[in-house]
């Protein structure tokens, strides 16, 4: 099932949508749908086989998060353990703006 589509088009669409939301643990910058890593193939197989067995995508996603941690998801829940994942982009943007402002102020 890693690279074979499910016979049911609706289930395949659900599997594809879910695979786009899950991060490859090897490549880290790619979803499991796009990655050629062996682990990503195993995860695609898990997603397709569980959806083919009738599990809803949300349940499959929760199972993968329980197994691999919140980092596997491109959309981790907002809770104390994941605050850094949500706030890091904002903090980096603020630091960049502060550095740019300081640099421009030094020229004037």
N, C-alpha and C. Protein backbone atom coordinates (compact mmCIF):
# COMPACT_ATOMS: atom_id res chain seq x y z
N UNK A 1 0.81 -1.21 0.00
CA UNK A 1 0.00 0.00 0.00
C UNK A 1 0.85 1.27 0.00
N UNK A 2 2.13 1.17 0.19
CA UNK A 2 2.95 2.37 0.30
C UNK A 2 2.83 3.25 -0.95
N UNK A 3 2.89 2.65 -2.12
CA UNK A 3 2.84 3.43 -3.35
C UNK A 3 1.66 3.06 -4.25
N UNK A 4 0.86 2.11 -3.82
CA UNK A 4 -0.32 1.70 -4.58
C UNK A 4 -1.54 2.45 -4.06
N UNK A 5 -2.35 2.95 -4.96
CA UNK A 5 -3.55 3.67 -4.54
C UNK A 5 -4.62 2.69 -4.07
N UNK A 6 -5.45 3.19 -3.17
CA UNK A 6 -6.57 2.38 -2.70
C UNK A 6 -7.62 2.26 -3.81
N UNK A 7 -8.30 1.13 -3.89
CA UNK A 7 -9.31 0.96 -4.95
C UNK A 7 -10.50 1.92 -4.80
N UNK A 8 -10.83 2.29 -3.57
CA UNK A 8 -11.93 3.21 -3.32
C UNK A 8 -11.40 4.64 -3.44
N UNK A 9 -11.92 5.40 -4.40
CA UNK A 9 -11.43 6.76 -4.67
C UNK A 9 -11.61 7.68 -3.46
N UNK A 10 -12.70 7.52 -2.73
CA UNK A 10 -12.95 8.36 -1.56
C UNK A 10 -11.91 8.08 -0.47
N UNK A 11 -11.63 6.80 -0.23
CA UNK A 11 -10.63 6.45 0.76
C UNK A 11 -9.24 6.92 0.34
N UNK A 12 -8.93 6.82 -0.94
CA UNK A 12 -7.63 7.28 -1.43
C UNK A 12 -7.49 8.80 -1.25
N UNK A 13 -8.57 9.53 -1.50
CA UNK A 13 -8.54 10.98 -1.30
C UNK A 13 -8.31 11.32 0.17
N UNK A 14 -8.96 10.57 1.07
CA UNK A 14 -8.75 10.78 2.50
C UNK A 14 -7.31 10.47 2.89
N UNK A 15 -6.78 9.37 2.36
CA UNK A 15 -5.40 8.98 2.68
C UNK A 15 -4.42 10.03 2.17
N UNK A 16 -4.61 10.50 0.94
CA UNK A 16 -3.72 11.52 0.35
C UNK A 16 -3.75 12.80 1.17
N UNK A 17 -4.95 13.23 1.54
CA UNK A 17 -5.08 14.46 2.33
C UNK A 17 -4.36 14.32 3.67
N UNK A 18 -4.48 13.17 4.30
CA UNK A 18 -3.81 12.93 5.57
C UNK A 18 -2.30 12.86 5.39
N UNK A 19 -1.84 12.21 4.33
CA UNK A 19 -0.40 12.09 4.09
C UNK A 19 0.25 13.45 3.85
N UNK A 20 -0.50 14.40 3.30
CA UNK A 20 0.02 15.75 3.08
C UNK A 20 0.20 16.50 4.40
N UNK A 21 -0.50 16.08 5.44
CA UNK A 21 -0.43 16.75 6.74
C UNK A 21 0.62 16.16 7.67
N UNK A 22 1.25 15.07 7.24
CA UNK A 22 2.21 14.38 8.09
C UNK A 22 3.63 14.58 7.59
N UNK A 23 4.52 14.91 8.50
CA UNK A 23 5.92 15.20 8.18
C UNK A 23 6.72 13.91 8.12
N UNK A 24 7.60 13.81 7.12
CA UNK A 24 8.54 12.69 7.04
C UNK A 24 9.55 12.85 8.18
N UNK A 25 9.73 11.83 8.95
CA UNK A 25 10.65 11.91 10.09
C UNK A 25 12.11 11.84 9.67
N UNK A 26 12.36 11.42 8.44
CA UNK A 26 13.73 11.35 7.93
C UNK A 26 14.08 12.64 7.19
N UNK A 27 13.21 13.04 6.26
CA UNK A 27 13.47 14.23 5.43
C UNK A 27 13.17 15.53 6.16
N UNK A 28 12.22 15.52 7.03
CA UNK A 28 11.78 16.62 7.88
C UNK A 28 11.18 17.80 7.14
N UNK A 29 11.62 18.07 5.93
CA UNK A 29 11.06 19.20 5.19
C UNK A 29 9.99 18.77 4.20
N UNK A 30 9.69 17.49 4.15
CA UNK A 30 8.71 16.97 3.21
C UNK A 30 7.61 16.23 3.94
N UNK A 31 6.46 16.19 3.30
CA UNK A 31 5.38 15.37 3.85
C UNK A 31 5.67 13.92 3.47
N UNK A 32 4.99 12.99 4.12
CA UNK A 32 5.20 11.59 3.77
C UNK A 32 4.67 11.30 2.36
N UNK A 33 3.78 12.13 1.86
CA UNK A 33 3.26 11.96 0.50
C UNK A 33 4.35 12.25 -0.53
N UNK A 34 5.27 13.15 -0.22
CA UNK A 34 6.29 13.59 -1.17
C UNK A 34 7.65 12.92 -0.99
N UNK A 35 7.86 12.29 0.15
CA UNK A 35 9.17 11.76 0.49
C UNK A 35 9.43 10.39 -0.14
N UNK A 36 10.69 10.16 -0.50
CA UNK A 36 11.11 8.86 -1.02
C UNK A 36 11.77 8.00 0.06
N UNK A 37 11.84 8.49 1.29
CA UNK A 37 12.47 7.76 2.38
C UNK A 37 11.69 6.48 2.69
N UNK A 38 12.40 5.46 3.10
CA UNK A 38 11.77 4.18 3.41
C UNK A 38 10.75 4.32 4.55
N UNK A 39 11.09 5.10 5.56
CA UNK A 39 10.16 5.30 6.68
C UNK A 39 8.88 5.99 6.21
N UNK A 40 9.00 6.95 5.29
CA UNK A 40 7.82 7.62 4.74
C UNK A 40 6.94 6.61 4.00
N UNK A 41 7.58 5.70 3.27
CA UNK A 41 6.83 4.64 2.59
C UNK A 41 6.08 3.76 3.58
N UNK A 42 6.75 3.43 4.70
CA UNK A 42 6.10 2.64 5.74
C UNK A 42 4.90 3.40 6.33
N UNK A 43 5.08 4.71 6.52
CA UNK A 43 3.99 5.51 7.07
C UNK A 43 2.83 5.62 6.07
N UNK A 44 3.13 5.75 4.76
CA UNK A 44 2.07 5.77 3.75
C UNK A 44 1.31 4.45 3.77
N UNK A 45 2.05 3.35 3.93
CA UNK A 45 1.42 2.03 4.02
C UNK A 45 0.48 1.97 5.23
N UNK A 46 0.96 2.46 6.37
CA UNK A 46 0.12 2.46 7.57
C UNK A 46 -1.15 3.28 7.36
N UNK A 47 -1.00 4.47 6.78
CA UNK A 47 -2.15 5.34 6.55
C UNK A 47 -3.15 4.64 5.63
N UNK A 48 -2.68 4.15 4.51
CA UNK A 48 -3.60 3.52 3.54
C UNK A 48 -4.25 2.26 4.10
N UNK A 49 -3.48 1.43 4.78
CA UNK A 49 -4.06 0.18 5.29
C UNK A 49 -5.08 0.45 6.39
N UNK A 50 -4.85 1.43 7.23
CA UNK A 50 -5.82 1.74 8.29
C UNK A 50 -7.08 2.39 7.72
N UNK A 51 -6.91 3.26 6.72
CA UNK A 51 -8.08 3.86 6.09
C UNK A 51 -8.86 2.81 5.31
N UNK A 52 -8.14 1.90 4.65
CA UNK A 52 -8.81 0.80 3.93
C UNK A 52 -9.59 -0.09 4.89
N UNK A 53 -9.11 -0.19 6.14
CA UNK A 53 -9.80 -1.00 7.15
C UNK A 53 -10.99 -0.26 7.76
N UNK A 54 -11.20 1.00 7.34
CA UNK A 54 -12.38 1.73 7.79
C UNK A 54 -12.14 2.75 8.89
N UNK A 55 -10.90 2.95 9.31
CA UNK A 55 -10.63 3.95 10.34
C UNK A 55 -10.74 5.34 9.74
N UNK A 56 -11.36 6.27 10.46
CA UNK A 56 -11.43 7.66 9.96
C UNK A 56 -10.04 8.30 10.01
N UNK A 57 -9.78 9.24 9.09
CA UNK A 57 -8.46 9.89 9.05
C UNK A 57 -8.04 10.53 10.38
N UNK A 58 -8.97 11.11 11.11
CA UNK A 58 -8.62 11.72 12.39
C UNK A 58 -8.08 10.70 13.38
N UNK A 59 -8.66 9.52 13.37
CA UNK A 59 -8.21 8.45 14.26
C UNK A 59 -6.82 7.95 13.84
N UNK A 60 -6.60 7.83 12.54
CA UNK A 60 -5.28 7.42 12.03
C UNK A 60 -4.24 8.46 12.41
N UNK A 61 -4.58 9.72 12.26
CA UNK A 61 -3.66 10.81 12.60
C UNK A 61 -3.31 10.77 14.09
N UNK A 62 -4.32 10.59 14.94
CA UNK A 62 -4.06 10.52 16.39
C UNK A 62 -3.14 9.34 16.72
N UNK A 63 -3.37 8.21 16.05
CA UNK A 63 -2.53 7.03 16.28
C UNK A 63 -1.09 7.32 15.92
N UNK A 64 -0.87 7.98 14.77
CA UNK A 64 0.50 8.32 14.36
C UNK A 64 1.14 9.34 15.30
N UNK A 65 0.38 10.30 15.77
CA UNK A 65 0.91 11.28 16.72
C UNK A 65 1.26 10.59 18.03
N UNK A 66 0.42 9.67 18.48
CA UNK A 66 0.73 8.92 19.70
C UNK A 66 2.00 8.10 19.52
N UNK A 67 2.19 7.57 18.34
CA UNK A 67 3.34 6.71 18.06
C UNK A 67 4.64 7.51 17.85
N UNK A 68 4.56 8.62 17.09
CA UNK A 68 5.76 9.37 16.72
C UNK A 68 5.88 10.73 17.39
N UNK A 69 4.88 11.19 18.09
CA UNK A 69 4.92 12.49 18.75
C UNK A 69 4.31 13.58 17.88
N UNK A 70 4.06 14.75 18.48
CA UNK A 70 3.41 15.85 17.78
C UNK A 70 4.23 16.39 16.62
N UNK A 71 5.53 16.15 16.64
CA UNK A 71 6.38 16.69 15.59
C UNK A 71 6.03 16.12 14.22
N UNK A 72 5.43 14.94 14.19
CA UNK A 72 5.09 14.30 12.92
C UNK A 72 3.99 15.07 12.17
N UNK A 73 3.26 15.89 12.88
CA UNK A 73 2.15 16.62 12.29
C UNK A 73 2.57 18.03 11.89
N UNK A 74 2.15 18.45 10.69
CA UNK A 74 2.39 19.84 10.29
C UNK A 74 1.47 20.79 11.03
N UNK A 75 0.44 20.26 11.67
CA UNK A 75 -0.49 21.10 12.45
C UNK A 75 -0.64 20.52 13.86
N UNK A 76 0.40 20.69 14.71
CA UNK A 76 0.29 20.17 16.06
C UNK A 76 -0.75 20.95 16.86
N UNK A 77 -1.36 20.32 17.86
CA UNK A 77 -2.36 21.03 18.67
C UNK A 77 -1.68 22.10 19.53
N UNK A 78 -2.43 23.12 19.88
CA UNK A 78 -1.89 24.17 20.74
C UNK A 78 -2.07 23.73 22.20
N UNK A 79 -0.98 23.33 22.80
CA UNK A 79 -0.96 22.92 24.20
C UNK A 79 0.42 23.23 24.74
N UNK A 80 0.62 23.22 26.06
CA UNK A 80 1.90 23.63 26.62
C UNK A 80 3.12 22.93 26.00
N UNK A 81 3.00 21.66 25.67
CA UNK A 81 4.13 20.93 25.11
C UNK A 81 4.49 21.41 23.70
N UNK A 82 3.56 22.06 23.00
CA UNK A 82 3.81 22.47 21.62
C UNK A 82 3.84 23.99 21.44
N UNK A 83 3.80 24.73 22.53
CA UNK A 83 3.81 26.19 22.42
C UNK A 83 5.00 26.68 21.61
N UNK A 84 6.18 26.07 21.83
CA UNK A 84 7.36 26.52 21.10
C UNK A 84 7.18 26.36 19.60
N UNK A 85 6.56 25.26 19.17
CA UNK A 85 6.34 25.04 17.74
C UNK A 85 5.47 26.14 17.14
N UNK A 86 4.52 26.63 17.91
CA UNK A 86 3.62 27.67 17.42
C UNK A 86 4.24 29.06 17.55
N UNK A 87 5.02 29.28 18.59
CA UNK A 87 5.55 30.62 18.85
C UNK A 87 6.90 30.89 18.19
N UNK A 88 7.65 29.87 17.85
CA UNK A 88 8.98 30.05 17.27
C UNK A 88 8.96 30.93 16.01
N UNK A 89 8.05 30.71 15.07
CA UNK A 89 8.05 31.58 13.89
C UNK A 89 7.80 33.05 14.24
N UNK A 90 6.92 33.30 15.19
CA UNK A 90 6.64 34.67 15.61
C UNK A 90 7.86 35.29 16.30
N UNK A 91 8.52 34.50 17.14
CA UNK A 91 9.71 35.00 17.83
C UNK A 91 10.82 35.31 16.83
N UNK A 92 11.03 34.43 15.86
CA UNK A 92 12.05 34.67 14.85
C UNK A 92 11.74 35.91 14.01
N UNK A 93 10.48 36.09 13.68
CA UNK A 93 10.06 37.28 12.94
C UNK A 93 10.31 38.55 13.76
N UNK A 94 9.99 38.52 15.04
CA UNK A 94 10.20 39.68 15.91
C UNK A 94 11.69 39.99 16.05
N UNK A 95 12.51 38.97 16.21
CA UNK A 95 13.96 39.19 16.31
C UNK A 95 14.49 39.76 15.00
N UNK A 96 14.04 39.24 13.88
CA UNK A 96 14.47 39.76 12.57
C UNK A 96 14.07 41.21 12.39
N UNK A 97 12.86 41.57 12.78
CA UNK A 97 12.40 42.96 12.67
C UNK A 97 13.22 43.87 13.58
N UNK A 98 13.51 43.40 14.78
CA UNK A 98 14.31 44.18 15.72
C UNK A 98 15.72 44.40 15.17
N UNK A 99 16.33 43.36 14.61
CA UNK A 99 17.67 43.49 14.03
C UNK A 99 17.67 44.43 12.82
N UNK A 100 16.65 44.32 11.98
CA UNK A 100 16.55 45.20 10.81
C UNK A 100 16.38 46.65 11.25
N UNK A 101 15.55 46.87 12.25
CA UNK A 101 15.33 48.23 12.76
C UNK A 101 16.62 48.80 13.34
N UNK A 102 17.35 48.00 14.10
CA UNK A 102 18.61 48.44 14.70
C UNK A 102 19.64 48.76 13.62
N UNK A 103 19.66 47.94 12.59
CA UNK A 103 20.61 48.14 11.48
C UNK A 103 20.28 49.42 10.71
N UNK A 104 19.00 49.63 10.42
CA UNK A 104 18.59 50.84 9.70
C UNK A 104 18.78 52.09 10.54
N UNK A 105 18.56 51.97 11.84
CA UNK A 105 18.73 53.11 12.75
C UNK A 105 20.20 53.51 12.82
N UNK A 106 21.09 52.53 12.75
CA UNK A 106 22.52 52.81 12.81
C UNK A 106 23.02 53.55 11.58
N UNK A 107 22.32 53.45 10.46
CA UNK A 107 22.73 54.14 9.24
C UNK A 107 22.32 55.60 9.24
N UNK A 108 21.28 55.91 9.97
CA UNK A 108 20.70 57.25 9.92
C UNK A 108 21.33 58.21 10.81
